[in-house]
């Protein structure tokens, strides 16, 4: 729906920014729009806002935590949304401490906003060929962000792929395709392969596919992370 603003915030400050924006646009400015916000019931610590990231929250993504291992030749960009953002942050720590991978973590608050901006930018460029091309927001954000791209979401894998036309490289997408059955979140995330361990593995596999690391590193990681490589596919199981 074109007048729907859909958001998947992870933290209280993100939610506050989105609600303030909605109040301003709907009630003060009288725009004919409405908001859909997913708020999970998982208890976890709410950090302070990391600087002025208001624009990024509303436009769909911002860098939540940069890597401290800037000198590493192995680089990655991890996308997380909602409660899964915490899994991406845990994966960042595993990648840096155990595998020497410098990973930046991005909070993707709205794939819909990024997608809408991308198609609107493409349309404007198509209709104004003589003018300087505009750059989609997600393209601008990632232009100086090297390394493999891995996205994890509580929704279908196709969601991150919605923005694949405007990102600089291929993206490995982890999502919850299939029917989930579990007694707690840890089991559910293991079932759907979206937790920190699988984000770590996906990152290492992307580095292997790019020729940055050897196959044995990925194989050892499967063992170290206690991942059952023969587990049923969640889509069909």
C-alpha atoms as a PDB file:
ATOM      1  CA  UNK A   1       0.000   0.000   0.000  1.00  0.00           C
ATOM      2  CA  UNK A   2       1.686   3.221  -1.141  1.00  0.00           C
ATOM      3  CA  UNK A   3       0.559   5.318   1.833  1.00  0.00           C
ATOM      4  CA  UNK A   4       1.720   2.745   4.403  1.00  0.00           C
ATOM      5  CA  UNK A   5       4.911   3.373   6.375  1.00  0.00           C
ATOM      6  CA  UNK A   6       6.122   0.006   7.704  1.00  0.00           C
ATOM      7  CA  UNK A   7       8.837  -0.251  10.361  1.00  0.00           C
ATOM      8  CA  UNK A   8      10.555  -3.022  12.304  1.00  0.00           C
ATOM      9  CA  UNK A   9      12.404  -1.233  15.158  1.00  0.00           C
ATOM     10  CA  UNK A  10      14.770  -2.994  17.540  1.00  0.00           C
ATOM     11  CA  UNK A  11      15.213  -0.396  20.273  1.00  0.00           C
ATOM     12  CA  UNK A  12      13.170   2.130  22.224  1.00  0.00           C
ATOM     13  CA  UNK A  13      14.887   5.147  20.671  1.00  0.00           C
ATOM     14  CA  UNK A  14      14.032   3.858  17.178  1.00  0.00           C
ATOM     15  CA  UNK A  15      10.409   3.441  18.191  1.00  0.00           C
ATOM     16  CA  UNK A  16      10.334   6.948  19.699  1.00  0.00           C
ATOM     17  CA  UNK A  17      11.689   8.500  16.504  1.00  0.00           C
ATOM     18  CA  UNK A  18       9.136   6.663  14.356  1.00  0.00           C
ATOM     19  CA  UNK A  19       6.185   7.589  16.587  1.00  0.00           C
ATOM     20  CA  UNK A  20       7.256  11.239  16.695  1.00  0.00           C
ATOM     21  CA  UNK A  21       7.488  11.236  12.914  1.00  0.00           C
ATOM     22  CA  UNK A  22       4.015   9.715  12.650  1.00  0.00           C
ATOM     23  CA  UNK A  23       2.475  12.286  14.982  1.00  0.00           C
ATOM     24  CA  UNK A  24       4.056  15.125  13.027  1.00  0.00           C
ATOM     25  CA  UNK A  25       3.132  13.855   9.575  1.00  0.00           C
ATOM     26  CA  UNK A  26      -0.374  12.542  10.308  1.00  0.00           C
ATOM     27  CA  UNK A  27      -1.681  14.988  12.894  1.00  0.00           C
ATOM     28  CA  UNK A  28       0.337  18.181  12.434  1.00  0.00           C
ATOM     29  CA  UNK A  29       0.896  18.097   8.666  1.00  0.00           C
ATOM     30  CA  UNK A  30      -2.281  16.168   7.871  1.00  0.00           C
ATOM     31  CA  UNK A  31      -0.687  13.695   5.459  1.00  0.00           C
ATOM     32  CA  UNK A  32      -2.876  10.841   4.265  1.00  0.00           C
ATOM     33  CA  UNK A  33      -0.578   8.078   5.491  1.00  0.00           C
ATOM     34  CA  UNK A  34      -0.550   5.474   8.240  1.00  0.00           C
ATOM     35  CA  UNK A  35       2.092   3.453  10.065  1.00  0.00           C
ATOM     36  CA  UNK A  36       2.569  -0.261  10.720  1.00  0.00           C
ATOM     37  CA  UNK A  37       5.117  -0.928  13.461  1.00  0.00           C
ATOM     38  CA  UNK A  38       6.167  -4.380  14.686  1.00  0.00           C
ATOM     39  CA  UNK A  39       7.126  -4.409  18.366  1.00  0.00           C
ATOM     40  CA  UNK A  40       8.300  -7.717  19.811  1.00  0.00           C
ATOM     41  CA  UNK A  41       7.825  -8.920  23.398  1.00  0.00           C
ATOM     42  CA  UNK A  42      11.373 -10.185  23.913  1.00  0.00           C
ATOM     43  CA  UNK A  43      13.031  -8.576  26.967  1.00  0.00           C
ATOM     44  CA  UNK A  44      16.492  -7.157  26.302  1.00  0.00           C
ATOM     45  CA  UNK A  45      18.512  -4.071  27.199  1.00  0.00           C
ATOM     46  CA  UNK A  46      17.659  -0.824  25.441  1.00  0.00           C
ATOM     47  CA  UNK A  47      20.826   1.160  24.602  1.00  0.00           C
ATOM     48  CA  UNK A  48      21.095   4.896  24.240  1.00  0.00           C
ATOM     49  CA  UNK A  49      20.737   6.417  20.788  1.00  0.00           C
ATOM     50  CA  UNK A  50      24.195   6.239  19.096  1.00  0.00           C
ATOM     51  CA  UNK A  51      24.364   9.858  17.971  1.00  0.00           C
ATOM     52  CA  UNK A  52      21.932  11.522  15.607  1.00  0.00           C
ATOM     53  CA  UNK A  53      20.639   8.620  13.548  1.00  0.00           C
ATOM     54  CA  UNK A  54      17.116   9.998  13.176  1.00  0.00           C
ATOM     55  CA  UNK A  55      17.353  10.281   9.396  1.00  0.00           C
ATOM     56  CA  UNK A  56      18.595   6.719   9.036  1.00  0.00           C
ATOM     57  CA  UNK A  57      15.858   5.328  11.262  1.00  0.00           C
ATOM     58  CA  UNK A  58      13.158   7.000   9.184  1.00  0.00           C
ATOM     59  CA  UNK A  59      14.751   6.298   5.799  1.00  0.00           C
ATOM     60  CA  UNK A  60      15.200   2.629   6.604  1.00  0.00           C
ATOM     61  CA  UNK A  61      18.730   1.894   7.838  1.00  0.00           C
ATOM     62  CA  UNK A  62      21.699   3.224   9.765  1.00  0.00           C
ATOM     63  CA  UNK A  63      24.995   1.861  11.059  1.00  0.00           C
ATOM     64  CA  UNK A  64      24.252   0.603  14.545  1.00  0.00           C
ATOM     65  CA  UNK A  65      27.739  -0.495  15.574  1.00  0.00           C
ATOM     66  CA  UNK A  66      30.926  -0.197  13.560  1.00  0.00           C
ATOM     67  CA  UNK A  67      33.693  -2.756  13.777  1.00  0.00           C
ATOM     68  CA  UNK A  68      36.680  -2.035  15.986  1.00  0.00           C
ATOM     69  CA  UNK A  69      38.933  -4.185  13.776  1.00  0.00           C
ATOM     70  CA  UNK A  70      39.429  -1.691  10.954  1.00  0.00           C
ATOM     71  CA  UNK A  71      42.794  -3.115   9.862  1.00  0.00           C
ATOM     72  CA  UNK A  72      41.438  -6.566   9.063  1.00  0.00           C
ATOM     73  CA  UNK A  73      41.386  -7.532   5.387  1.00  0.00           C
ATOM     74  CA  UNK A  74      38.283  -9.631   5.998  1.00  0.00           C
ATOM     75  CA  UNK A  75      35.256  -7.327   6.010  1.00  0.00           C
ATOM     76  CA  UNK A  76      31.511  -7.796   6.304  1.00  0.00           C
ATOM     77  CA  UNK A  77      28.325  -5.768   6.573  1.00  0.00           C
ATOM     78  CA  UNK A  78      25.605  -7.373   8.696  1.00  0.00           C
ATOM     79  CA  UNK A  79      21.956  -6.281   8.463  1.00  0.00           C
ATOM     80  CA  UNK A  80      19.591  -6.939  11.348  1.00  0.00           C
ATOM     81  CA  UNK A  81      15.995  -5.909  12.000  1.00  0.00           C
ATOM     82  CA  UNK A  82      13.878  -5.883  15.137  1.00  0.00           C
ATOM     83  CA  UNK A  83      14.880  -8.418  17.784  1.00  0.00           C
ATOM     84  CA  UNK A  84      17.170 -10.195  15.281  1.00  0.00           C
ATOM     85  CA  UNK A  85      19.448  -7.138  15.364  1.00  0.00           C
ATOM     86  CA  UNK A  86      20.799  -8.477  18.661  1.00  0.00           C
ATOM     87  CA  UNK A  87      21.755 -11.719  16.915  1.00  0.00           C
ATOM     88  CA  UNK A  88      23.656  -9.717  14.301  1.00  0.00           C
ATOM     89  CA  UNK A  89      25.508  -7.901  17.083  1.00  0.00           C
ATOM     90  CA  UNK A  90      26.434 -11.228  18.694  1.00  0.00           C
ATOM     91  CA  UNK A  91      27.611 -12.504  15.316  1.00  0.00           C
ATOM     92  CA  UNK A  92      29.776  -9.402  14.996  1.00  0.00           C
ATOM     93  CA  UNK A  93      31.550 -10.331  18.237  1.00  0.00           C
ATOM     94  CA  UNK A  94      32.041 -13.956  17.175  1.00  0.00           C
ATOM     95  CA  UNK A  95      33.392 -12.956  13.768  1.00  0.00           C
ATOM     96  CA  UNK A  96      35.845 -10.464  15.225  1.00  0.00           C
ATOM     97  CA  UNK A  97      37.053 -12.540  18.181  1.00  0.00           C
ATOM     98  CA  UNK A  98      37.249 -16.002  16.594  1.00  0.00           C
ATOM     99  CA  UNK A  99      37.725 -15.395  12.875  1.00  0.00           C
ATOM    100  CA  UNK A 100      39.354 -11.985  12.528  1.00  0.00           C
ATOM    101  CA  UNK A 101      36.507 -10.583  10.435  1.00  0.00           C
ATOM    102  CA  UNK A 102      35.760  -6.879  10.790  1.00  0.00           C
ATOM    103  CA  UNK A 103      31.978  -6.662  10.627  1.00  0.00           C
ATOM    104  CA  UNK A 104      29.825  -3.546  10.753  1.00  0.00           C
ATOM    105  CA  UNK A 105      26.238  -3.956  11.943  1.00  0.00           C
ATOM    106  CA  UNK A 106      23.330  -2.055  10.415  1.00  0.00           C
ATOM    107  CA  UNK A 107      19.866  -1.707  11.864  1.00  0.00           C
ATOM    108  CA  UNK A 108      17.418  -1.996   8.975  1.00  0.00           C
ATOM    109  CA  UNK A 109      14.273  -0.399  10.331  1.00  0.00           C
ATOM    110  CA  UNK A 110      12.306  -0.542   7.073  1.00  0.00           C
ATOM    111  CA  UNK A 111      13.014  -2.587   3.952  1.00  0.00           C
ATOM    112  CA  UNK A 112       9.815  -1.111   2.526  1.00  0.00           C
ATOM    113  CA  UNK A 113      11.184   2.427   2.900  1.00  0.00           C
ATOM    114  CA  UNK A 114      14.438   1.420   1.208  1.00  0.00           C
ATOM    115  CA  UNK A 115      12.558  -0.318  -1.598  1.00  0.00           C
ATOM    116  CA  UNK A 116      10.220   2.629  -2.146  1.00  0.00           C
ATOM    117  CA  UNK A 117      13.155   5.043  -2.245  1.00  0.00           C
ATOM    118  CA  UNK A 118      14.933   2.801  -4.740  1.00  0.00           C
ATOM    119  CA  UNK A 119      12.068   2.539  -7.205  1.00  0.00           C
ATOM    120  CA  UNK A 120      11.261   6.251  -6.876  1.00  0.00           C
ATOM    121  CA  UNK A 121      14.889   7.118  -7.575  1.00  0.00           C
ATOM    122  CA  UNK A 122      14.982   4.810 -10.605  1.00  0.00           C
ATOM    123  CA  UNK A 123      11.799   6.408 -11.941  1.00  0.00           C
ATOM    124  CA  UNK A 124      13.118   9.952 -11.513  1.00  0.00           C
ATOM    125  CA  UNK A 125      16.390   9.085 -13.264  1.00  0.00           C
ATOM    126  CA  UNK A 126      14.494   7.439 -16.122  1.00  0.00           C
ATOM    127  CA  UNK A 127      12.330  10.543 -16.639  1.00  0.00           C
ATOM    128  CA  UNK A 128      15.233  13.010 -16.328  1.00  0.00           C
ATOM    129  CA  UNK A 129      18.046  11.518 -18.450  1.00  0.00           C
ATOM    130  CA  UNK A 130      19.751  14.890 -19.010  1.00  0.00           C
ATOM    131  CA  UNK A 131      20.105  15.648 -15.302  1.00  0.00           C
ATOM    132  CA  UNK A 132      22.548  14.349 -12.754  1.00  0.00           C
ATOM    133  CA  UNK A 133      21.298  10.921 -11.622  1.00  0.00           C
ATOM    134  CA  UNK A 134      20.009  10.632  -8.101  1.00  0.00           C
ATOM    135  CA  UNK A 135      21.391   7.901  -5.832  1.00  0.00           C
ATOM    136  CA  UNK A 136      19.147   5.616  -3.764  1.00  0.00           C
ATOM    137  CA  UNK A 137      19.614   5.982  -0.027  1.00  0.00           C
ATOM    138  CA  UNK A 138      20.789   2.402   0.511  1.00  0.00           C
ATOM    139  CA  UNK A 139      23.353   2.766  -2.289  1.00  0.00           C
ATOM    140  CA  UNK A 140      24.717   5.930  -0.719  1.00  0.00           C
ATOM    141  CA  UNK A 141      24.936   4.295   2.710  1.00  0.00           C
ATOM    142  CA  UNK A 142      26.911   1.295   1.454  1.00  0.00           C
ATOM    143  CA  UNK A 143      29.211   2.984  -1.062  1.00  0.00           C
ATOM    144  CA  UNK A 144      32.133   3.103   1.368  1.00  0.00           C
ATOM    145  CA  UNK A 145      31.297  -0.109   3.224  1.00  0.00           C
ATOM    146  CA  UNK A 146      33.461  -2.981   1.970  1.00  0.00           C
ATOM    147  CA  UNK A 147      32.994  -6.687   2.442  1.00  0.00           C
ATOM    148  CA  UNK A 148      30.343  -9.338   2.098  1.00  0.00           C
ATOM    149  CA  UNK A 149      26.696  -8.578   2.830  1.00  0.00           C
ATOM    150  CA  UNK A 150      24.547 -10.734   5.118  1.00  0.00           C
ATOM    151  CA  UNK A 151      20.987  -9.945   6.236  1.00  0.00           C
ATOM    152  CA  UNK A 152      18.969 -11.679   8.933  1.00  0.00           C
ATOM    153  CA  UNK A 153      15.275 -11.087   9.502  1.00  0.00           C
ATOM    154  CA  UNK A 154      12.275 -12.531  11.337  1.00  0.00           C
ATOM    155  CA  UNK A 155      10.448 -12.521   8.005  1.00  0.00           C
ATOM    156  CA  UNK A 156      10.875 -14.183   4.622  1.00  0.00           C
ATOM    157  CA  UNK A 157      14.268 -14.253   2.926  1.00  0.00           C
ATOM    158  CA  UNK A 158      12.775 -12.332   0.037  1.00  0.00           C
ATOM    159  CA  UNK A 159      12.490  -9.213   2.196  1.00  0.00           C
ATOM    160  CA  UNK A 160      16.199  -8.242   2.098  1.00  0.00           C
ATOM    161  CA  UNK A 161      16.297  -9.207  -1.591  1.00  0.00           C
ATOM    162  CA  UNK A 162      13.772  -6.422  -2.253  1.00  0.00           C
ATOM    163  CA  UNK A 163      16.687  -3.964  -2.153  1.00  0.00           C
ATOM    164  CA  UNK A 164      19.184  -6.093  -4.090  1.00  0.00           C
ATOM    165  CA  UNK A 165      18.968  -3.836  -7.168  1.00  0.00           C
ATOM    166  CA  UNK A 166      20.535  -0.946  -5.254  1.00  0.00           C
ATOM    167  CA  UNK A 167      23.231  -2.604  -3.173  1.00  0.00           C
ATOM    168  CA  UNK A 168      26.791  -2.933  -4.512  1.00  0.00           C
ATOM    169  CA  UNK A 169      27.193  -6.714  -4.160  1.00  0.00           C
ATOM    170  CA  UNK A 170      25.174  -9.897  -3.736  1.00  0.00           C
ATOM    171  CA  UNK A 171      23.511 -10.395  -0.376  1.00  0.00           C
ATOM    172  CA  UNK A 172      23.078 -13.578   1.651  1.00  0.00           C
ATOM    173  CA  UNK A 173      19.624 -13.524   3.172  1.00  0.00           C
ATOM    174  CA  UNK A 174      18.542 -15.446   6.272  1.00  0.00           C
ATOM    175  CA  UNK A 175      14.839 -15.563   7.090  1.00  0.00           C
ATOM    176  CA  UNK A 176      11.951 -17.533   8.499  1.00  0.00           C
ATOM    177  CA  UNK A 177      10.561 -19.279   5.437  1.00  0.00           C
ATOM    178  CA  UNK A 178       8.506 -22.260   6.568  1.00  0.00           C
ATOM    179  CA  UNK A 179       6.444 -23.274   9.582  1.00  0.00           C
ATOM    180  CA  UNK A 180       8.093 -22.590  12.930  1.00  0.00           C
ATOM    181  CA  UNK A 181       7.650 -25.024  15.819  1.00  0.00           C
ATOM    182  CA  UNK A 182       9.545 -24.581  19.068  1.00  0.00           C
ATOM    183  CA  UNK A 183       9.251 -24.174  22.810  1.00  0.00           C
ATOM    184  CA  UNK A 184      11.369 -21.010  23.061  1.00  0.00           C
ATOM    185  CA  UNK A 185      13.076 -18.365  20.928  1.00  0.00           C
ATOM    186  CA  UNK A 186      16.492 -20.029  20.937  1.00  0.00           C
ATOM    187  CA  UNK A 187      15.069 -23.193  19.411  1.00  0.00           C
ATOM    188  CA  UNK A 188      12.986 -21.250  16.910  1.00  0.00           C
ATOM    189  CA  UNK A 189      15.970 -19.256  15.693  1.00  0.00           C
ATOM    190  CA  UNK A 190      18.018 -22.414  15.408  1.00  0.00           C
ATOM    191  CA  UNK A 191      15.182 -24.042  13.462  1.00  0.00           C
ATOM    192  CA  UNK A 192      14.975 -21.135  11.012  1.00  0.00           C
ATOM    193  CA  UNK A 193      18.778 -20.649  10.936  1.00  0.00           C
ATOM    194  CA  UNK A 194      18.679 -16.943  11.781  1.00  0.00           C
ATOM    195  CA  UNK A 195      20.623 -16.787  15.060  1.00  0.00           C
ATOM    196  CA  UNK A 196      24.142 -15.461  15.645  1.00  0.00           C
ATOM    197  CA  UNK A 197      25.722 -18.809  14.754  1.00  0.00           C
ATOM    198  CA  UNK A 198      24.060 -18.982  11.349  1.00  0.00           C
ATOM    199  CA  UNK A 199      24.789 -15.302  10.662  1.00  0.00           C
ATOM    200  CA  UNK A 200      28.429 -16.048  11.432  1.00  0.00           C
ATOM    201  CA  UNK A 201      28.413 -19.088   9.160  1.00  0.00           C
ATOM    202  CA  UNK A 202      26.713 -17.203   6.318  1.00  0.00           C
ATOM    203  CA  UNK A 203      29.358 -14.486   6.576  1.00  0.00           C
ATOM    204  CA  UNK A 204      32.227 -16.944   6.478  1.00  0.00           C
ATOM    205  CA  UNK A 205      30.650 -18.788   3.553  1.00  0.00           C
ATOM    206  CA  UNK A 206      30.320 -15.522   1.613  1.00  0.00           C
ATOM    207  CA  UNK A 207      33.984 -14.784   2.300  1.00  0.00           C
ATOM    208  CA  UNK A 208      34.844 -18.274   1.037  1.00  0.00           C
ATOM    209  CA  UNK A 209      32.805 -17.736  -2.135  1.00  0.00           C
ATOM    210  CA  UNK A 210      34.728 -14.494  -2.696  1.00  0.00           C
ATOM    211  CA  UNK A 211      38.036 -16.322  -2.299  1.00  0.00           C
ATOM    212  CA  UNK A 212      38.944 -14.472   0.891  1.00  0.00           C
ATOM    213  CA  UNK A 213      39.219 -17.525   3.157  1.00  0.00           C
ATOM    214  CA  UNK A 214      39.775 -21.250   2.656  1.00  0.00           C
ATOM    215  CA  UNK A 215      37.069 -23.902   2.707  1.00  0.00           C
ATOM    216  CA  UNK A 216      38.516 -25.452   5.851  1.00  0.00           C
ATOM    217  CA  UNK A 217      37.681 -22.318   7.835  1.00  0.00           C
ATOM    218  CA  UNK A 218      33.998 -22.694   6.994  1.00  0.00           C
ATOM    219  CA  UNK A 219      34.031 -26.421   7.723  1.00  0.00           C
ATOM    220  CA  UNK A 220      35.683 -25.861  11.101  1.00  0.00           C
ATOM    221  CA  UNK A 221      33.191 -23.106  11.918  1.00  0.00           C
ATOM    222  CA  UNK A 222      30.292 -25.528  11.381  1.00  0.00           C
ATOM    223  CA  UNK A 223      31.838 -27.764  14.035  1.00  0.00           C
ATOM    224  CA  UNK A 224      32.833 -24.968  16.406  1.00  0.00           C
ATOM    225  CA  UNK A 225      29.397 -23.343  16.215  1.00  0.00           C
ATOM    226  CA  UNK A 226      27.700 -26.717  16.764  1.00  0.00           C
ATOM    227  CA  UNK A 227      25.646 -26.464  13.615  1.00  0.00           C
ATOM    228  CA  UNK A 228      24.032 -29.615  12.314  1.00  0.00           C
ATOM    229  CA  UNK A 229      24.686 -29.460   8.584  1.00  0.00           C
ATOM    230  CA  UNK A 230      22.272 -32.349   8.016  1.00  0.00           C
ATOM    231  CA  UNK A 231      19.314 -30.737   9.784  1.00  0.00           C
ATOM    232  CA  UNK A 232      16.066 -30.611   7.791  1.00  0.00           C
ATOM    233  CA  UNK A 233      15.388 -27.579   5.628  1.00  0.00           C
ATOM    234  CA  UNK A 234      12.948 -25.379   7.626  1.00  0.00           C
ATOM    235  CA  UNK A 235      11.045 -24.578   4.433  1.00  0.00           C
ATOM    236  CA  UNK A 236      10.038 -28.190   3.906  1.00  0.00           C
ATOM    237  CA  UNK A 237      10.260 -29.742   7.374  1.00  0.00           C
END
